[in-house]
N, C-alpha and C. Protein backbone atom coordinates (compact mmCIF):
# COMPACT_ATOMS: atom_id res chain seq x y z
N MET A 1 -2.88 3.72 1.47
CA MET A 1 -3.88 2.66 1.55
C MET A 1 -3.97 2.16 3.03
N LEU A 2 -5.14 1.94 3.48
CA LEU A 2 -5.32 1.45 4.87
C LEU A 2 -6.32 0.32 4.83
N TYR A 3 -5.94 -0.81 5.44
CA TYR A 3 -6.77 -1.98 5.51
C TYR A 3 -7.26 -2.05 6.91
N VAL A 4 -8.66 -2.17 7.11
CA VAL A 4 -9.22 -2.19 8.40
C VAL A 4 -10.31 -3.31 8.43
N ARG A 5 -10.30 -4.09 9.52
CA ARG A 5 -11.45 -5.03 9.74
C ARG A 5 -12.51 -4.23 10.42
N VAL A 6 -13.75 -4.33 9.84
CA VAL A 6 -14.85 -3.50 10.35
C VAL A 6 -15.21 -3.70 11.77
N PRO A 7 -15.25 -4.95 12.29
CA PRO A 7 -15.57 -5.11 13.68
C PRO A 7 -14.56 -4.42 14.62
N ARG A 8 -13.26 -4.44 14.24
CA ARG A 8 -12.23 -3.77 15.00
C ARG A 8 -12.36 -2.19 14.95
N LEU A 9 -12.77 -1.79 13.71
CA LEU A 9 -12.95 -0.36 13.46
C LEU A 9 -14.05 0.20 14.37
N PHE A 10 -15.11 -0.59 14.45
CA PHE A 10 -16.27 -0.10 15.29
C PHE A 10 -15.82 -0.09 16.79
N GLU A 11 -15.10 -1.01 17.23
CA GLU A 11 -14.55 -1.07 18.62
C GLU A 11 -13.70 0.26 18.80
N ASP A 12 -12.86 0.51 17.95
CA ASP A 12 -11.92 1.70 18.03
C ASP A 12 -12.75 3.01 18.00
N LEU A 13 -13.75 3.02 17.14
CA LEU A 13 -14.59 4.22 17.02
C LEU A 13 -15.38 4.50 18.35
N ALA A 14 -15.84 3.43 18.88
CA ALA A 14 -16.57 3.58 20.21
C ALA A 14 -15.72 4.08 21.28
N LEU A 15 -14.43 3.59 21.35
CA LEU A 15 -13.53 4.04 22.40
C LEU A 15 -13.10 5.47 22.17
N VAL A 16 -12.75 5.85 20.95
CA VAL A 16 -12.27 7.20 20.77
C VAL A 16 -13.39 8.22 20.89
N ARG A 17 -14.66 7.87 20.65
CA ARG A 17 -15.78 8.79 20.87
C ARG A 17 -15.89 9.16 22.29
N LEU A 18 -15.58 8.15 23.23
CA LEU A 18 -15.61 8.37 24.61
C LEU A 18 -14.56 9.29 25.14
N ASP A 19 -13.29 9.14 24.63
CA ASP A 19 -12.22 10.00 25.14
C ASP A 19 -11.91 11.23 24.26
N GLY A 20 -12.81 11.52 23.22
CA GLY A 20 -12.53 12.78 22.60
C GLY A 20 -11.62 12.73 21.35
N ARG A 21 -11.15 11.52 20.98
CA ARG A 21 -10.25 11.50 19.83
C ARG A 21 -10.98 11.12 18.50
N PHE A 22 -12.32 11.10 18.54
CA PHE A 22 -13.07 10.67 17.41
C PHE A 22 -12.75 11.51 16.17
N PRO A 23 -12.72 12.84 16.24
CA PRO A 23 -12.42 13.64 15.02
C PRO A 23 -11.02 13.33 14.42
N ARG A 24 -10.08 13.03 15.30
CA ARG A 24 -8.70 12.70 14.78
C ARG A 24 -8.78 11.38 14.06
N LEU A 25 -9.50 10.36 14.57
CA LEU A 25 -9.56 9.05 13.82
C LEU A 25 -10.29 9.19 12.48
N ILE A 26 -11.37 9.99 12.53
CA ILE A 26 -12.10 10.18 11.22
C ILE A 26 -11.15 10.88 10.27
N GLU A 27 -10.41 11.89 10.67
CA GLU A 27 -9.39 12.59 9.77
C GLU A 27 -8.40 11.54 9.30
N LYS A 28 -7.90 10.63 10.07
CA LYS A 28 -6.95 9.66 9.64
C LYS A 28 -7.65 8.74 8.59
N LEU A 29 -8.83 8.34 8.78
CA LEU A 29 -9.53 7.48 7.82
C LEU A 29 -9.84 8.24 6.47
N THR A 30 -9.94 9.55 6.57
CA THR A 30 -10.30 10.38 5.42
C THR A 30 -9.05 10.63 4.60
N ARG A 31 -7.91 10.72 5.25
CA ARG A 31 -6.68 11.12 4.48
C ARG A 31 -6.12 10.06 3.59
N VAL A 32 -6.27 8.79 3.87
CA VAL A 32 -5.66 7.75 3.06
C VAL A 32 -6.36 7.71 1.71
N GLN A 33 -5.51 7.33 0.67
CA GLN A 33 -6.05 7.28 -0.66
C GLN A 33 -7.11 6.20 -0.89
N LEU A 34 -6.88 4.99 -0.29
CA LEU A 34 -7.79 3.95 -0.40
C LEU A 34 -8.06 3.34 0.95
N LEU A 35 -9.29 3.23 1.35
CA LEU A 35 -9.72 2.67 2.62
C LEU A 35 -10.40 1.34 2.31
N ILE A 36 -9.77 0.22 2.76
CA ILE A 36 -10.37 -1.07 2.51
C ILE A 36 -11.01 -1.55 3.84
N LEU A 37 -12.34 -1.70 3.77
CA LEU A 37 -13.07 -2.22 4.97
C LEU A 37 -13.33 -3.74 4.78
N ASP A 38 -12.71 -4.56 5.58
CA ASP A 38 -12.82 -6.02 5.41
C ASP A 38 -13.80 -6.51 6.50
N ASP A 39 -14.29 -7.69 6.31
CA ASP A 39 -15.28 -8.27 7.15
C ASP A 39 -16.58 -7.40 7.16
N PHE A 40 -16.74 -6.76 6.10
CA PHE A 40 -17.93 -5.83 5.97
C PHE A 40 -19.15 -6.71 5.80
N ARG A 41 -20.17 -6.46 6.48
CA ARG A 41 -21.48 -7.14 6.44
C ARG A 41 -21.37 -8.59 6.93
N THR A 42 -20.41 -8.86 7.86
CA THR A 42 -20.39 -10.18 8.49
C THR A 42 -21.20 -10.18 9.77
N HIS A 43 -21.55 -9.08 10.25
CA HIS A 43 -22.44 -9.07 11.38
C HIS A 43 -23.38 -7.79 11.26
N SER A 44 -24.55 -7.83 11.96
CA SER A 44 -25.45 -6.71 11.90
C SER A 44 -24.96 -5.52 12.65
N LEU A 45 -25.33 -4.36 12.13
CA LEU A 45 -24.83 -3.07 12.68
C LEU A 45 -25.86 -2.50 13.61
N THR A 46 -25.30 -1.91 14.73
CA THR A 46 -26.16 -1.13 15.67
C THR A 46 -26.39 0.19 15.01
N ASP A 47 -27.34 0.97 15.54
CA ASP A 47 -27.60 2.34 15.07
C ASP A 47 -26.30 3.23 15.20
N GLN A 48 -25.56 3.12 16.19
CA GLN A 48 -24.35 3.91 16.45
C GLN A 48 -23.29 3.54 15.32
N GLN A 49 -23.13 2.22 15.09
CA GLN A 49 -22.21 1.74 14.04
C GLN A 49 -22.58 2.29 12.65
N ARG A 50 -23.91 2.25 12.37
CA ARG A 50 -24.37 2.82 11.12
C ARG A 50 -24.06 4.29 11.02
N LEU A 51 -24.21 5.02 12.04
CA LEU A 51 -23.86 6.45 12.11
C LEU A 51 -22.35 6.58 11.83
N HIS A 52 -21.51 5.84 12.56
CA HIS A 52 -20.08 5.96 12.33
C HIS A 52 -19.69 5.61 10.84
N LEU A 53 -20.30 4.59 10.33
CA LEU A 53 -20.00 4.25 8.94
C LEU A 53 -20.41 5.31 7.98
N PHE A 54 -21.63 5.89 8.22
CA PHE A 54 -22.11 6.95 7.42
C PHE A 54 -21.19 8.20 7.46
N GLU A 55 -20.65 8.55 8.62
CA GLU A 55 -19.75 9.70 8.78
C GLU A 55 -18.43 9.46 7.97
N ILE A 56 -17.95 8.17 8.00
CA ILE A 56 -16.73 7.85 7.26
C ILE A 56 -17.01 7.98 5.72
N VAL A 57 -18.03 7.37 5.30
CA VAL A 57 -18.34 7.43 3.83
C VAL A 57 -18.63 8.90 3.39
N GLU A 58 -19.33 9.64 4.21
CA GLU A 58 -19.67 11.04 3.88
C GLU A 58 -18.34 11.84 3.76
N GLU A 59 -17.41 11.69 4.65
CA GLU A 59 -16.18 12.40 4.66
C GLU A 59 -15.36 12.03 3.39
N ARG A 60 -15.43 10.81 2.99
CA ARG A 60 -14.64 10.28 1.85
C ARG A 60 -15.32 10.54 0.50
N TYR A 61 -16.59 10.82 0.49
CA TYR A 61 -17.37 10.92 -0.73
C TYR A 61 -16.80 11.84 -1.77
N GLN A 62 -16.53 11.37 -2.96
CA GLN A 62 -16.00 12.07 -4.06
C GLN A 62 -14.58 12.65 -3.82
N ARG A 63 -13.92 12.18 -2.77
CA ARG A 63 -12.52 12.64 -2.50
C ARG A 63 -11.54 11.48 -2.55
N ARG A 64 -11.89 10.38 -1.94
CA ARG A 64 -11.02 9.24 -1.83
C ARG A 64 -11.84 7.95 -2.09
N ALA A 65 -11.06 6.88 -2.43
CA ALA A 65 -11.73 5.58 -2.72
C ALA A 65 -12.02 4.82 -1.39
N ILE A 66 -13.04 4.02 -1.41
CA ILE A 66 -13.39 3.09 -0.29
C ILE A 66 -13.82 1.85 -0.88
N MET A 67 -13.50 0.78 -0.19
CA MET A 67 -13.90 -0.57 -0.74
C MET A 67 -14.21 -1.41 0.43
N GLY A 68 -15.25 -2.24 0.32
CA GLY A 68 -15.64 -3.20 1.37
C GLY A 68 -15.66 -4.58 0.80
N GLY A 69 -15.50 -5.58 1.80
CA GLY A 69 -15.53 -6.94 1.31
C GLY A 69 -15.52 -7.93 2.49
N ARG A 70 -15.34 -9.17 2.19
CA ARG A 70 -15.28 -10.20 3.16
C ARG A 70 -13.86 -10.85 3.09
N THR A 71 -13.32 -11.31 4.23
CA THR A 71 -12.04 -11.88 4.28
C THR A 71 -11.98 -13.22 3.47
N ASN A 72 -13.08 -13.98 3.54
CA ASN A 72 -13.02 -15.29 2.82
C ASN A 72 -13.38 -15.21 1.37
N ASP A 73 -13.31 -14.03 0.79
CA ASP A 73 -13.62 -13.89 -0.62
C ASP A 73 -12.33 -13.84 -1.47
N PRO A 74 -11.91 -14.97 -2.09
CA PRO A 74 -10.69 -15.04 -2.81
C PRO A 74 -10.44 -14.08 -3.85
N ALA A 75 -11.53 -13.70 -4.57
CA ALA A 75 -11.46 -12.72 -5.65
C ALA A 75 -11.08 -11.36 -5.06
N LEU A 76 -11.69 -10.95 -3.93
CA LEU A 76 -11.35 -9.72 -3.27
C LEU A 76 -9.95 -9.73 -2.78
N ASN A 77 -9.52 -10.86 -2.20
CA ASN A 77 -8.10 -10.90 -1.68
C ASN A 77 -7.09 -10.72 -2.85
N ARG A 78 -7.37 -11.36 -3.99
CA ARG A 78 -6.52 -11.15 -5.16
C ARG A 78 -6.50 -9.70 -5.66
N PHE A 79 -7.74 -9.06 -5.63
CA PHE A 79 -7.88 -7.78 -6.01
C PHE A 79 -7.08 -6.84 -5.12
N CYS A 80 -7.25 -7.04 -3.84
CA CYS A 80 -6.58 -6.16 -2.85
C CYS A 80 -5.03 -6.25 -3.00
N ARG A 81 -4.48 -7.51 -3.24
CA ARG A 81 -3.04 -7.64 -3.48
C ARG A 81 -2.67 -6.90 -4.67
N LYS A 82 -3.40 -6.94 -5.75
CA LYS A 82 -3.08 -6.24 -7.02
C LYS A 82 -3.17 -4.69 -6.79
N VAL A 83 -4.15 -4.26 -6.11
CA VAL A 83 -4.24 -2.79 -5.83
C VAL A 83 -3.08 -2.36 -5.01
N ARG A 84 -2.66 -3.13 -4.01
CA ARG A 84 -1.58 -2.71 -3.14
C ARG A 84 -0.21 -2.73 -4.01
N ARG A 85 -0.01 -3.72 -4.82
CA ARG A 85 1.20 -3.67 -5.68
C ARG A 85 1.24 -2.48 -6.54
N THR A 86 0.08 -2.22 -7.23
CA THR A 86 0.07 -1.07 -8.14
C THR A 86 0.21 0.25 -7.40
N TRP A 87 -0.38 0.36 -6.23
CA TRP A 87 -0.23 1.60 -5.41
C TRP A 87 1.16 1.77 -5.05
N LEU A 88 1.90 0.68 -4.57
CA LEU A 88 3.29 0.88 -4.25
C LEU A 88 4.14 1.23 -5.38
N ARG A 89 3.87 0.59 -6.55
CA ARG A 89 4.61 0.93 -7.74
C ARG A 89 4.49 2.38 -8.17
N LEU A 90 3.20 2.96 -8.12
CA LEU A 90 2.97 4.28 -8.43
C LEU A 90 3.61 5.25 -7.41
N ARG A 91 3.64 4.84 -6.15
CA ARG A 91 4.24 5.70 -5.12
C ARG A 91 5.70 5.76 -5.36
N ARG A 92 6.44 4.70 -5.70
CA ARG A 92 7.77 4.60 -5.90
C ARG A 92 8.13 5.48 -7.18
N ARG A 93 7.35 5.36 -8.19
CA ARG A 93 7.51 6.18 -9.43
C ARG A 93 7.41 7.65 -9.12
N SER A 94 6.44 8.00 -8.30
CA SER A 94 6.22 9.43 -7.90
C SER A 94 7.40 9.96 -7.12
N GLN A 95 7.89 9.09 -6.13
CA GLN A 95 9.06 9.57 -5.36
C GLN A 95 10.29 9.72 -6.18
N LYS A 96 10.48 8.86 -7.14
CA LYS A 96 11.57 8.97 -8.11
C LYS A 96 11.49 10.24 -8.89
N SER A 97 10.29 10.52 -9.41
CA SER A 97 10.10 11.77 -10.19
C SER A 97 10.41 12.98 -9.40
N ARG A 98 10.02 12.97 -8.09
CA ARG A 98 10.33 14.18 -7.21
C ARG A 98 11.82 14.27 -7.07
N ARG A 99 12.50 13.20 -6.83
CA ARG A 99 14.00 13.27 -6.66
C ARG A 99 14.69 13.78 -7.86
N MET A 100 14.16 13.42 -9.03
CA MET A 100 14.80 13.81 -10.29
C MET A 100 14.36 15.22 -10.71
N GLY A 101 13.37 15.82 -10.00
CA GLY A 101 12.93 17.14 -10.29
C GLY A 101 11.86 17.22 -11.32
N TRP A 102 11.27 16.05 -11.66
CA TRP A 102 10.28 16.03 -12.71
C TRP A 102 8.92 16.36 -11.99
N GLY A 103 8.03 16.79 -12.78
CA GLY A 103 6.63 17.08 -12.26
C GLY A 103 6.49 18.44 -11.56
N ARG A 104 7.59 19.24 -11.41
CA ARG A 104 7.41 20.52 -10.88
C ARG A 104 7.17 21.49 -12.03
N SER A 105 6.18 22.32 -11.74
CA SER A 105 5.95 23.31 -12.79
C SER A 105 6.86 24.48 -12.76
N SER A 106 7.38 24.88 -13.77
CA SER A 106 8.34 26.02 -13.87
C SER A 106 7.52 27.25 -14.08
N ARG A 107 7.75 28.22 -13.28
CA ARG A 107 7.07 29.58 -13.38
C ARG A 107 8.01 30.60 -13.93
N SER A 108 7.57 31.32 -14.91
CA SER A 108 8.41 32.39 -15.43
C SER A 108 8.01 33.70 -14.91
């Protein structure tokens, strides 16, 4: 899970596009299971920012989850905390299963 404030994300995207690290940042944003974009729609977007956002959504489409919201939304904050707790619990359970040798398919 990765939590990102949209204004900061757009600043980072503009910088990495200039120095050639743009594909690496897009890959990082694509790999995470859940991308939370906060402060979404708190300011108007430029054409370049719309293009960046489109590229991120396009790369994640039907592969990974993405969620947007506002910082001052109490319901979203509660939901994000619940998602994070659930994600951490599932990750711990998965790690425990791997340590115990569960979940591996046996091939004959």
